[in-house]
Amino acid sequence: MTGLPVVGRDAGLPARRTRRASRPAGPRRRPAAGSPGQATRLRGRTAGGRCWDDRGNAVIEFVFLGVLLLAPLMYLVLAVSAVQRNLYGVTQAAREAGRAYATGTAANAADRAGYAARLALEDQGLSADDAVIRYGAPGGDCASASAEPPAFAPGGEFAVCVSRPFTVPGVPGFLVGARSSVTGRYVVHLDQYRDYGDGDGAP
């Protein structure tokens, strides 16, 4: 049936488009500065208005801080190791020198002590040429000890001190002092029932 009028809310309105107009061919426009798409790619903006990208900066910062912190840490480890080796070396030398002295006689005790101290220092890779052996009272310190060997007496006690110069690696001598040294101390107890005569003792 034709010629009937159109009634309802759509009366007088143009017909809706059923298909979306196609987008004209051509290059896509970049999103404007400040848009979400632009913010995902650009990290910042210079004073002149040019954008810059900070991708890769984390690696550079990690390498720079790693080197900056690793160098002092490695030096600290090496310095502490050198100090510990010298302290252990003179302590071991004093202990071995005291034992060698106590097992010798009045004729050879001092030579045995010096040889034992040299072996103990060389075992730690240290030179024994500048090492000094001194003897003192068991209750005193090594500052008051002397180079004169003590007299043998059954049941006697004395302290053996071994000192050698030492410098911190990489530090000039005028900063730590020209006479810096490390000292090891060991208290010797002589056997009460042993003869410490002038004869040849056990090797």
N, C-alpha and C. Protein backbone atom coordinates (compact mmCIF):
# COMPACT_ATOMS: atom_id res chain seq x y z
N MET A 1 0.87 -1.18 0.00
CA MET A 1 0.00 0.00 0.00
C MET A 1 0.90 1.22 0.00
N THR A 2 0.75 2.11 -0.91
CA THR A 2 1.65 3.25 -1.06
C THR A 2 0.93 4.52 -0.73
N GLY A 3 1.77 5.54 -0.50
CA GLY A 3 1.22 6.85 -0.24
C GLY A 3 0.78 7.08 1.17
N LEU A 4 1.11 6.16 2.11
CA LEU A 4 0.72 6.34 3.50
C LEU A 4 1.71 7.25 4.21
N PRO A 5 1.24 8.15 5.04
CA PRO A 5 2.18 9.06 5.76
C PRO A 5 2.95 8.32 6.83
N VAL A 6 4.17 8.80 7.13
CA VAL A 6 5.03 8.22 8.18
C VAL A 6 4.73 8.91 9.49
N VAL A 7 4.40 8.11 10.47
CA VAL A 7 4.08 8.66 11.78
C VAL A 7 5.03 8.11 12.81
N GLY A 8 5.19 8.78 13.92
CA GLY A 8 6.09 8.32 15.00
C GLY A 8 7.20 9.30 15.24
N ARG A 9 8.13 8.91 16.13
CA ARG A 9 9.20 9.84 16.51
C ARG A 9 10.24 10.03 15.43
N ASP A 10 10.32 9.10 14.51
CA ASP A 10 11.29 9.25 13.41
C ASP A 10 10.73 10.04 12.25
N ALA A 11 9.50 10.54 12.43
CA ALA A 11 8.89 11.28 11.33
C ALA A 11 9.63 12.57 11.08
N GLY A 12 9.94 12.87 9.89
CA GLY A 12 10.61 14.11 9.52
C GLY A 12 12.10 14.10 9.68
N LEU A 13 12.72 12.95 10.12
CA LEU A 13 14.16 12.85 10.29
C LEU A 13 14.77 12.14 9.11
N PRO A 14 15.99 12.52 8.73
CA PRO A 14 16.63 11.82 7.60
C PRO A 14 17.00 10.40 7.99
N ALA A 15 17.10 9.56 7.06
CA ALA A 15 17.45 8.16 7.33
C ALA A 15 18.87 8.05 7.84
N ARG A 16 19.12 7.14 8.81
CA ARG A 16 20.45 6.95 9.39
C ARG A 16 21.37 6.25 8.40
N ARG A 17 22.62 6.62 8.50
CA ARG A 17 23.61 5.94 7.67
C ARG A 17 23.90 4.56 8.22
N THR A 18 23.86 3.61 7.39
CA THR A 18 24.09 2.24 7.82
C THR A 18 25.56 1.88 7.83
N ARG A 19 26.39 2.59 7.12
CA ARG A 19 27.83 2.28 7.04
C ARG A 19 28.62 3.51 7.43
N ARG A 20 29.69 3.27 8.14
CA ARG A 20 30.55 4.36 8.58
C ARG A 20 31.40 4.84 7.43
N ALA A 21 31.51 6.14 7.36
CA ALA A 21 32.30 6.70 6.27
C ALA A 21 33.73 6.23 6.36
N SER A 22 34.29 5.81 5.28
CA SER A 22 35.67 5.31 5.27
C SER A 22 36.64 6.46 5.50
N ARG A 23 37.76 6.16 6.22
CA ARG A 23 38.78 7.17 6.53
C ARG A 23 39.62 7.41 5.29
N PRO A 24 39.90 8.62 4.97
CA PRO A 24 40.69 8.90 3.77
C PRO A 24 42.10 8.32 3.88
N ALA A 25 42.60 7.82 2.75
CA ALA A 25 43.94 7.21 2.73
C ALA A 25 45.00 8.29 2.95
N GLY A 26 46.09 7.87 3.57
CA GLY A 26 47.17 8.80 3.81
C GLY A 26 47.87 8.48 5.12
N PRO A 27 48.99 9.11 5.42
CA PRO A 27 49.75 8.82 6.66
C PRO A 27 48.95 9.20 7.89
N ARG A 28 49.13 8.39 8.93
CA ARG A 28 48.45 8.66 10.19
C ARG A 28 49.11 9.82 10.91
N ARG A 29 48.28 10.62 11.54
CA ARG A 29 48.80 11.77 12.26
C ARG A 29 49.34 11.35 13.61
N ARG A 30 50.45 11.95 14.03
CA ARG A 30 51.01 11.67 15.34
C ARG A 30 50.14 12.28 16.42
N PRO A 31 50.06 11.60 17.55
CA PRO A 31 49.28 12.19 18.64
C PRO A 31 49.93 13.47 19.12
N ALA A 32 49.11 14.37 19.51
CA ALA A 32 49.62 15.67 19.97
C ALA A 32 50.40 15.50 21.25
N ALA A 33 51.33 16.45 21.46
CA ALA A 33 52.12 16.42 22.69
C ALA A 33 51.20 16.53 23.90
N GLY A 34 51.46 15.68 24.87
CA GLY A 34 50.63 15.68 26.06
C GLY A 34 49.53 14.66 26.02
N SER A 35 49.29 14.04 24.84
CA SER A 35 48.27 13.01 24.76
C SER A 35 48.78 11.73 25.37
N PRO A 36 47.91 10.78 25.75
CA PRO A 36 48.38 9.52 26.37
C PRO A 36 49.34 8.75 25.50
N GLY A 37 49.10 8.73 24.17
CA GLY A 37 50.01 7.99 23.30
C GLY A 37 51.39 8.59 23.27
N GLN A 38 51.47 9.91 23.30
CA GLN A 38 52.76 10.57 23.31
C GLN A 38 53.48 10.37 24.64
N ALA A 39 52.75 10.27 25.73
CA ALA A 39 53.38 10.14 27.04
C ALA A 39 54.02 8.79 27.21
N THR A 40 53.55 7.77 26.48
CA THR A 40 54.13 6.44 26.62
C THR A 40 55.50 6.35 25.98
N ARG A 41 55.79 7.21 25.02
CA ARG A 41 57.07 7.16 24.33
C ARG A 41 58.06 8.21 24.80
N LEU A 42 57.58 9.35 25.22
CA LEU A 42 58.46 10.44 25.61
C LEU A 42 58.53 10.53 27.11
N ARG A 43 59.73 10.66 27.63
CA ARG A 43 59.93 10.69 29.08
C ARG A 43 60.08 12.10 29.63
N GLY A 44 60.47 13.03 28.84
CA GLY A 44 60.68 14.36 29.35
C GLY A 44 60.84 15.35 28.23
N ARG A 45 61.08 16.60 28.57
CA ARG A 45 61.17 17.67 27.59
C ARG A 45 62.28 18.62 28.02
N THR A 46 63.13 18.97 27.11
CA THR A 46 64.23 19.87 27.40
C THR A 46 63.73 21.30 27.48
N ALA A 47 64.66 22.22 27.83
CA ALA A 47 64.27 23.62 27.96
C ALA A 47 63.87 24.21 26.62
N GLY A 48 64.46 23.72 25.55
CA GLY A 48 64.13 24.25 24.24
C GLY A 48 62.85 23.68 23.65
N GLY A 49 62.20 22.78 24.35
CA GLY A 49 60.97 22.20 23.85
C GLY A 49 61.16 20.88 23.16
N ARG A 50 62.41 20.44 22.96
CA ARG A 50 62.66 19.15 22.32
C ARG A 50 62.50 18.02 23.32
N CYS A 51 61.94 16.95 22.87
CA CYS A 51 61.69 15.80 23.75
C CYS A 51 62.91 14.90 23.79
N TRP A 52 63.13 14.28 24.92
CA TRP A 52 64.24 13.35 25.07
C TRP A 52 63.73 12.05 25.67
N ASP A 53 64.48 10.98 25.43
CA ASP A 53 64.11 9.64 25.87
C ASP A 53 65.17 9.13 26.83
N ASP A 54 64.79 8.65 28.02
CA ASP A 54 65.77 8.21 29.03
C ASP A 54 65.92 6.71 29.07
N ARG A 55 65.53 6.03 28.02
CA ARG A 55 65.74 4.59 27.99
C ARG A 55 67.23 4.28 27.92
N GLY A 56 67.70 3.36 28.78
CA GLY A 56 69.12 2.99 28.84
C GLY A 56 69.89 3.70 29.92
N ASN A 57 69.32 4.71 30.54
CA ASN A 57 70.04 5.43 31.60
C ASN A 57 70.26 4.57 32.83
N ALA A 58 69.37 3.63 33.10
CA ALA A 58 69.53 2.78 34.28
C ALA A 58 70.80 1.95 34.19
N VAL A 59 71.13 1.46 33.00
CA VAL A 59 72.35 0.66 32.83
C VAL A 59 73.58 1.52 33.08
N ILE A 60 73.58 2.73 32.55
CA ILE A 60 74.73 3.63 32.74
C ILE A 60 74.91 3.98 34.21
N GLU A 61 73.80 4.26 34.89
CA GLU A 61 73.88 4.59 36.31
C GLU A 61 74.37 3.40 37.12
N PHE A 62 73.92 2.21 36.77
CA PHE A 62 74.36 1.01 37.50
C PHE A 62 75.86 0.78 37.34
N VAL A 63 76.36 0.92 36.11
CA VAL A 63 77.79 0.73 35.88
C VAL A 63 78.60 1.80 36.60
N PHE A 64 78.17 3.03 36.53
CA PHE A 64 78.91 4.12 37.17
C PHE A 64 78.95 3.95 38.69
N LEU A 65 77.80 3.66 39.30
CA LEU A 65 77.77 3.47 40.75
C LEU A 65 78.50 2.21 41.16
N GLY A 66 78.43 1.17 40.31
CA GLY A 66 79.14 -0.06 40.63
C GLY A 66 80.64 0.15 40.71
N VAL A 67 81.19 0.85 39.71
CA VAL A 67 82.63 1.13 39.72
C VAL A 67 82.99 2.07 40.86
N LEU A 68 82.14 3.07 41.10
CA LEU A 68 82.42 4.05 42.15
C LEU A 68 82.44 3.41 43.53
N LEU A 69 81.60 2.41 43.77
CA LEU A 69 81.55 1.76 45.07
C LEU A 69 82.46 0.54 45.16
N LEU A 70 82.74 -0.09 44.03
CA LEU A 70 83.54 -1.31 44.05
C LEU A 70 85.01 -1.02 44.33
N ALA A 71 85.53 0.08 43.81
CA ALA A 71 86.95 0.39 44.01
C ALA A 71 87.30 0.59 45.49
N PRO A 72 86.58 1.42 46.26
CA PRO A 72 86.91 1.52 47.70
C PRO A 72 86.68 0.22 48.45
N LEU A 73 85.67 -0.54 48.05
CA LEU A 73 85.41 -1.80 48.75
C LEU A 73 86.53 -2.80 48.53
N MET A 74 87.04 -2.88 47.29
CA MET A 74 88.14 -3.79 47.01
C MET A 74 89.40 -3.37 47.77
N TYR A 75 89.67 -2.05 47.83
CA TYR A 75 90.83 -1.59 48.58
C TYR A 75 90.69 -1.91 50.06
N LEU A 76 89.50 -1.75 50.61
CA LEU A 76 89.28 -2.05 52.02
C LEU A 76 89.52 -3.53 52.31
N VAL A 77 89.05 -4.39 51.42
CA VAL A 77 89.26 -5.83 51.61
C VAL A 77 90.75 -6.17 51.56
N LEU A 78 91.48 -5.59 50.59
CA LEU A 78 92.91 -5.87 50.47
C LEU A 78 93.69 -5.34 51.67
N ALA A 79 93.34 -4.15 52.16
CA ALA A 79 94.04 -3.57 53.30
C ALA A 79 93.80 -4.39 54.56
N VAL A 80 92.56 -4.79 54.79
CA VAL A 80 92.25 -5.60 55.97
C VAL A 80 92.93 -6.95 55.89
N SER A 81 92.99 -7.55 54.71
CA SER A 81 93.66 -8.84 54.55
C SER A 81 95.16 -8.72 54.83
N ALA A 82 95.77 -7.62 54.37
CA ALA A 82 97.20 -7.44 54.62
C ALA A 82 97.48 -7.24 56.11
N VAL A 83 96.66 -6.44 56.78
CA VAL A 83 96.85 -6.24 58.22
C VAL A 83 96.65 -7.54 58.98
N GLN A 84 95.62 -8.30 58.61
CA GLN A 84 95.34 -9.56 59.30
C GLN A 84 96.46 -10.56 59.08
N ARG A 85 97.01 -10.61 57.90
CA ARG A 85 98.11 -11.54 57.62
C ARG A 85 99.34 -11.20 58.45
N ASN A 86 99.65 -9.91 58.57
CA ASN A 86 100.81 -9.51 59.38
C ASN A 86 100.58 -9.80 60.86
N LEU A 87 99.37 -9.53 61.35
CA LEU A 87 99.08 -9.81 62.76
C LEU A 87 99.16 -11.30 63.05
N TYR A 88 98.58 -12.10 62.17
CA TYR A 88 98.65 -13.54 62.38
C TYR A 88 100.08 -14.05 62.26
N GLY A 89 100.86 -13.45 61.34
CA GLY A 89 102.23 -13.91 61.17
C GLY A 89 103.09 -13.66 62.40
N VAL A 90 103.03 -12.46 63.00
CA VAL A 90 103.86 -12.19 64.18
C VAL A 90 103.35 -12.94 65.41
N THR A 91 102.05 -13.17 65.49
CA THR A 91 101.52 -13.96 66.62
C THR A 91 101.99 -15.41 66.53
N GLN A 92 101.92 -15.97 65.33
CA GLN A 92 102.41 -17.34 65.14
C GLN A 92 103.92 -17.41 65.36
N ALA A 93 104.65 -16.39 64.93
CA ALA A 93 106.10 -16.39 65.11
C ALA A 93 106.46 -16.34 66.59
N ALA A 94 105.74 -15.53 67.37
CA ALA A 94 106.02 -15.45 68.80
C ALA A 94 105.72 -16.78 69.49
N ARG A 95 104.62 -17.44 69.11
CA ARG A 95 104.29 -18.73 69.71
C ARG A 95 105.32 -19.80 69.38
N GLU A 96 105.72 -19.87 68.10
CA GLU A 96 106.72 -20.88 67.71
C GLU A 96 108.08 -20.57 68.32
N ALA A 97 108.44 -19.29 68.41
CA ALA A 97 109.72 -18.94 69.03
C ALA A 97 109.73 -19.30 70.51
N GLY A 98 108.62 -19.07 71.20
CA GLY A 98 108.56 -19.43 72.62
C GLY A 98 108.65 -20.93 72.84
N ARG A 99 107.99 -21.70 72.01
CA ARG A 99 108.05 -23.17 72.16
C ARG A 99 109.44 -23.69 71.84
N ALA A 100 110.07 -23.13 70.80
CA ALA A 100 111.43 -23.58 70.47
C ALA A 100 112.41 -23.19 71.57
N TYR A 101 112.23 -22.03 72.15
CA TYR A 101 113.12 -21.61 73.24
C TYR A 101 112.95 -22.51 74.45
N ALA A 102 111.71 -22.86 74.77
CA ALA A 102 111.47 -23.67 75.96
C ALA A 102 111.96 -25.10 75.82
N THR A 103 112.07 -25.59 74.61
CA THR A 103 112.54 -26.96 74.40
C THR A 103 114.04 -27.03 74.12
N GLY A 104 114.73 -25.89 74.15
CA GLY A 104 116.17 -25.89 73.95
C GLY A 104 116.92 -25.87 75.26
N THR A 105 118.16 -25.49 75.18
CA THR A 105 119.02 -25.37 76.35
C THR A 105 119.60 -23.97 76.39
N ALA A 106 120.36 -23.69 77.41
CA ALA A 106 120.97 -22.37 77.54
C ALA A 106 121.93 -22.07 76.41
N ALA A 107 122.45 -23.11 75.75
CA ALA A 107 123.43 -22.92 74.68
C ALA A 107 122.77 -22.63 73.33
N ASN A 108 121.60 -23.17 73.07
CA ASN A 108 121.03 -23.04 71.73
C ASN A 108 119.59 -22.50 71.70
N ALA A 109 119.05 -22.11 72.85
CA ALA A 109 117.64 -21.70 72.90
C ALA A 109 117.38 -20.45 72.05
N ALA A 110 118.28 -19.47 72.11
CA ALA A 110 118.06 -18.23 71.36
C ALA A 110 118.11 -18.47 69.85
N ASP A 111 119.04 -19.31 69.41
CA ASP A 111 119.11 -19.62 67.98
C ASP A 111 117.88 -20.40 67.51
N ARG A 112 117.40 -21.30 68.32
CA ARG A 112 116.20 -22.06 67.98
C ARG A 112 114.98 -21.14 67.87
N ALA A 113 114.90 -20.18 68.80
CA ALA A 113 113.77 -19.26 68.77
C ALA A 113 113.79 -18.39 67.52
N GLY A 114 114.96 -17.89 67.14
CA GLY A 114 115.05 -17.07 65.93
C GLY A 114 114.71 -17.85 64.67
N TYR A 115 115.17 -19.10 64.60
CA TYR A 115 114.88 -19.92 63.42
C TYR A 115 113.39 -20.25 63.33
N ALA A 116 112.77 -20.57 64.46
CA ALA A 116 111.35 -20.88 64.46
C ALA A 116 110.51 -19.66 64.06
N ALA A 117 110.89 -18.46 64.53
CA ALA A 117 110.16 -17.25 64.16
C ALA A 117 110.29 -16.96 62.67
N ARG A 118 111.47 -17.20 62.12
CA ARG A 118 111.66 -16.97 60.69
C ARG A 118 110.78 -17.91 59.86
N LEU A 119 110.71 -19.17 60.24
CA LEU A 119 109.88 -20.12 59.50
C LEU A 119 108.41 -19.74 59.57
N ALA A 120 107.96 -19.29 60.74
CA ALA A 120 106.55 -18.92 60.89
C ALA A 120 106.20 -17.70 60.03
N LEU A 121 107.09 -16.71 59.94
CA LEU A 121 106.82 -15.54 59.11
C LEU A 121 106.86 -15.88 57.62
N GLU A 122 107.82 -16.66 57.23
CA GLU A 122 107.90 -17.04 55.81
C GLU A 122 106.73 -17.92 55.40
N ASP A 123 106.16 -18.66 56.33
CA ASP A 123 104.98 -19.46 56.02
C ASP A 123 103.79 -18.59 55.65
N GLN A 124 103.74 -17.35 56.13
CA GLN A 124 102.68 -16.40 55.79
C GLN A 124 103.07 -15.49 54.63
N GLY A 125 104.19 -15.77 53.99
CA GLY A 125 104.63 -14.94 52.88
C GLY A 125 105.23 -13.62 53.31
N LEU A 126 105.72 -13.53 54.54
CA LEU A 126 106.29 -12.29 55.07
C LEU A 126 107.80 -12.42 55.21
N SER A 127 108.48 -11.31 55.03
CA SER A 127 109.93 -11.31 55.18
C SER A 127 110.30 -11.25 56.66
N ALA A 128 111.28 -12.05 57.05
CA ALA A 128 111.74 -12.09 58.43
C ALA A 128 113.03 -11.30 58.64
N ASP A 129 113.49 -10.58 57.63
CA ASP A 129 114.75 -9.85 57.76
C ASP A 129 114.64 -8.71 58.77
N ASP A 130 113.47 -8.06 58.85
CA ASP A 130 113.30 -6.94 59.77
C ASP A 130 112.62 -7.33 61.08
N ALA A 131 112.39 -8.61 61.27
CA ALA A 131 111.72 -9.05 62.49
C ALA A 131 112.68 -8.98 63.68
N VAL A 132 112.14 -8.62 64.83
CA VAL A 132 112.93 -8.48 66.07
C VAL A 132 112.27 -9.32 67.16
N ILE A 133 113.10 -10.13 67.86
CA ILE A 133 112.61 -10.97 68.96
C ILE A 133 113.10 -10.36 70.27
N ARG A 134 112.17 -10.16 71.19
CA ARG A 134 112.51 -9.61 72.50
C ARG A 134 111.84 -10.45 73.58
N TYR A 135 112.39 -10.34 74.77
CA TYR A 135 111.91 -11.14 75.91
C TYR A 135 111.59 -10.19 77.06
N GLY A 136 110.49 -10.48 77.73
CA GLY A 136 110.08 -9.64 78.84
C GLY A 136 109.39 -10.42 79.93
N ALA A 137 108.91 -9.71 80.93
CA ALA A 137 108.20 -10.34 82.04
C ALA A 137 106.82 -10.82 81.57
N PRO A 138 106.30 -11.88 82.16
CA PRO A 138 104.99 -12.40 81.72
C PRO A 138 103.85 -11.41 81.94
N GLY A 139 103.94 -10.54 82.94
CA GLY A 139 102.88 -9.58 83.19
C GLY A 139 103.09 -8.23 82.54
N GLY A 140 104.23 -8.03 81.85
CA GLY A 140 104.52 -6.75 81.23
C GLY A 140 104.12 -6.73 79.77
N ASP A 141 104.34 -5.59 79.15
CA ASP A 141 104.05 -5.47 77.72
C ASP A 141 105.34 -5.56 76.93
N CYS A 142 105.19 -5.59 75.60
CA CYS A 142 106.36 -5.74 74.74
C CYS A 142 107.19 -4.47 74.65
N ALA A 143 106.65 -3.32 75.07
CA ALA A 143 107.43 -2.09 75.03
C ALA A 143 108.59 -2.12 76.02
N SER A 144 108.42 -2.84 77.12
CA SER A 144 109.48 -2.93 78.13
C SER A 144 110.35 -4.17 77.97
N ALA A 145 110.15 -4.95 76.90
CA ALA A 145 110.94 -6.16 76.68
C ALA A 145 112.32 -5.80 76.14
N SER A 146 113.27 -6.71 76.31
CA SER A 146 114.65 -6.50 75.87
C SER A 146 115.07 -7.65 74.98
N ALA A 147 116.18 -7.45 74.27
CA ALA A 147 116.70 -8.48 73.39
C ALA A 147 117.52 -9.53 74.13
N GLU A 148 117.78 -9.33 75.41
CA GLU A 148 118.58 -10.29 76.19
C GLU A 148 117.72 -11.49 76.56
N PRO A 149 118.14 -12.70 76.18
CA PRO A 149 117.36 -13.89 76.53
C PRO A 149 117.28 -14.07 78.04
N PRO A 150 116.16 -14.56 78.55
CA PRO A 150 116.03 -14.76 80.00
C PRO A 150 116.83 -15.97 80.46
N ALA A 151 117.14 -15.99 81.73
CA ALA A 151 117.86 -17.12 82.30
C ALA A 151 116.90 -18.30 82.47
N PHE A 152 117.42 -19.50 82.24
CA PHE A 152 116.60 -20.70 82.42
C PHE A 152 116.44 -20.98 83.90
N ALA A 153 115.22 -21.26 84.27
CA ALA A 153 114.91 -21.65 85.65
C ALA A 153 113.72 -22.60 85.60
N PRO A 154 113.83 -23.78 86.17
CA PRO A 154 112.71 -24.72 86.15
C PRO A 154 111.44 -24.08 86.72
N GLY A 155 110.36 -24.16 85.95
CA GLY A 155 109.09 -23.57 86.37
C GLY A 155 108.98 -22.08 86.12
N GLY A 156 109.96 -21.47 85.46
CA GLY A 156 109.92 -20.03 85.22
C GLY A 156 108.97 -19.65 84.08
N GLU A 157 108.67 -18.37 84.01
CA GLU A 157 107.79 -17.84 82.97
C GLU A 157 108.39 -16.55 82.41
N PHE A 158 108.19 -16.34 81.14
CA PHE A 158 108.60 -15.10 80.48
C PHE A 158 107.79 -14.97 79.19
N ALA A 159 107.80 -13.77 78.64
CA ALA A 159 107.05 -13.47 77.41
C ALA A 159 108.01 -13.29 76.25
N VAL A 160 107.61 -13.82 75.10
CA VAL A 160 108.37 -13.66 73.86
C VAL A 160 107.58 -12.72 72.95
N CYS A 161 108.23 -11.67 72.48
CA CYS A 161 107.60 -10.68 71.60
C CYS A 161 108.32 -10.67 70.26
N VAL A 162 107.56 -10.75 69.19
CA VAL A 162 108.10 -10.68 67.83
C VAL A 162 107.45 -9.47 67.14
N SER A 163 108.28 -8.55 66.66
CA SER A 163 107.80 -7.33 66.00
C SER A 163 108.43 -7.22 64.63
N ARG A 164 107.67 -6.65 63.70
CA ARG A 164 108.19 -6.36 62.36
C ARG A 164 107.48 -5.12 61.82
N PRO A 165 108.16 -4.31 61.01
CA PRO A 165 107.52 -3.10 60.46
C PRO A 165 106.42 -3.46 59.47
N PHE A 166 105.47 -2.57 59.39
CA PHE A 166 104.32 -2.82 58.52
C PHE A 166 103.76 -1.50 58.02
N THR A 167 103.38 -1.47 56.77
CA THR A 167 102.74 -0.29 56.16
C THR A 167 101.45 -0.73 55.48
N VAL A 168 100.44 0.11 55.57
CA VAL A 168 99.16 -0.18 54.92
C VAL A 168 99.34 -0.05 53.41
N PRO A 169 98.87 -1.01 52.62
CA PRO A 169 99.06 -0.92 51.16
C PRO A 169 98.39 0.32 50.58
N GLY A 170 99.12 1.02 49.73
CA GLY A 170 98.59 2.18 49.05
C GLY A 170 98.55 3.45 49.87
N VAL A 171 99.03 3.42 51.11
CA VAL A 171 99.02 4.61 51.96
C VAL A 171 100.46 5.07 52.16
N PRO A 172 100.80 6.33 51.89
CA PRO A 172 102.17 6.81 52.10
C PRO A 172 102.61 6.67 53.56
N GLY A 173 103.91 6.49 53.73
CA GLY A 173 104.43 6.28 55.08
C GLY A 173 104.24 7.47 56.00
N PHE A 174 104.25 8.71 55.45
CA PHE A 174 104.13 9.87 56.33
C PHE A 174 102.71 10.00 56.89
N LEU A 175 101.73 9.28 56.33
CA LEU A 175 100.37 9.35 56.86
C LEU A 175 100.17 8.40 58.04
N VAL A 176 100.83 7.26 58.02
CA VAL A 176 100.66 6.27 59.09
C VAL A 176 101.84 6.24 60.05
N GLY A 177 102.90 6.96 59.73
CA GLY A 177 104.06 6.98 60.60
C GLY A 177 105.16 6.10 60.06
N ALA A 178 106.38 6.55 60.24
CA ALA A 178 107.52 5.82 59.69
C ALA A 178 107.85 4.58 60.51
N ARG A 179 107.41 4.49 61.76
CA ARG A 179 107.75 3.37 62.63
C ARG A 179 106.54 2.52 62.97
N SER A 180 105.58 2.46 62.10
CA SER A 180 104.43 1.59 62.34
C SER A 180 104.87 0.14 62.26
N SER A 181 104.42 -0.67 63.19
CA SER A 181 104.82 -2.07 63.25
C SER A 181 103.71 -2.88 63.89
N VAL A 182 103.79 -4.18 63.70
CA VAL A 182 102.87 -5.12 64.34
C VAL A 182 103.69 -6.02 65.26
N THR A 183 103.08 -6.42 66.37
CA THR A 183 103.79 -7.18 67.40
C THR A 183 102.93 -8.35 67.85
N GLY A 184 103.57 -9.50 67.98
CA GLY A 184 102.92 -10.69 68.54
C GLY A 184 103.58 -11.06 69.87
N ARG A 185 102.78 -11.57 70.79
CA ARG A 185 103.28 -11.87 72.14
C ARG A 185 102.81 -13.26 72.57
N TYR A 186 103.72 -13.98 73.22
CA TYR A 186 103.40 -15.33 73.70
C TYR A 186 104.13 -15.56 75.03
N VAL A 187 103.41 -16.07 76.02
CA VAL A 187 103.97 -16.34 77.34
C VAL A 187 104.44 -17.80 77.39
N VAL A 188 105.70 -17.99 77.80
CA VAL A 188 106.33 -19.31 77.84
C VAL A 188 106.37 -19.80 79.29
N HIS A 189 105.99 -21.05 79.51
CA HIS A 189 106.08 -21.70 80.81
C HIS A 189 107.13 -22.80 80.72
N LEU A 190 108.21 -22.66 81.46
CA LEU A 190 109.27 -23.65 81.43
C LEU A 190 108.89 -24.86 82.27
N ASP A 191 109.39 -26.01 81.81
CA ASP A 191 109.11 -27.26 82.52
C ASP A 191 109.80 -27.25 83.88
N GLN A 192 109.08 -27.65 84.87
CA GLN A 192 109.62 -27.60 86.23
C GLN A 192 110.60 -28.73 86.50
N TYR A 193 110.52 -29.82 85.74
CA TYR A 193 111.35 -30.99 86.02
C TYR A 193 112.33 -31.28 84.89
N ARG A 194 112.68 -30.29 84.14
CA ARG A 194 113.63 -30.47 83.03
C ARG A 194 114.94 -29.79 83.36
N ASP A 195 116.03 -30.42 82.88
CA ASP A 195 117.36 -29.89 83.11
C ASP A 195 117.72 -28.94 81.95
N TYR A 196 117.91 -27.66 82.27
CA TYR A 196 118.28 -26.68 81.26
C TYR A 196 119.76 -26.33 81.41
N GLY A 197 120.60 -27.34 81.27
CA GLY A 197 122.02 -27.12 81.43
C GLY A 197 122.62 -26.54 80.17
N ASP A 198 123.95 -26.53 80.16
CA ASP A 198 124.67 -25.99 79.00
C ASP A 198 124.92 -27.01 77.92
N GLY A 199 124.50 -28.26 78.13
CA GLY A 199 124.70 -29.30 77.12
C GLY A 199 123.75 -29.11 75.96
N ASP A 200 124.00 -29.93 74.93
CA ASP A 200 123.16 -29.86 73.73
C ASP A 200 121.79 -30.41 74.07
N GLY A 201 120.77 -29.64 73.75
CA GLY A 201 119.40 -30.07 73.97
C GLY A 201 118.87 -30.86 72.81
N ALA A 202 117.65 -31.24 72.94
CA ALA A 202 117.02 -31.98 71.85
C ALA A 202 116.82 -31.04 70.67
N PRO A 203 116.94 -31.51 69.45
CA PRO A 203 116.82 -30.64 68.28
C PRO A 203 115.38 -30.16 68.14
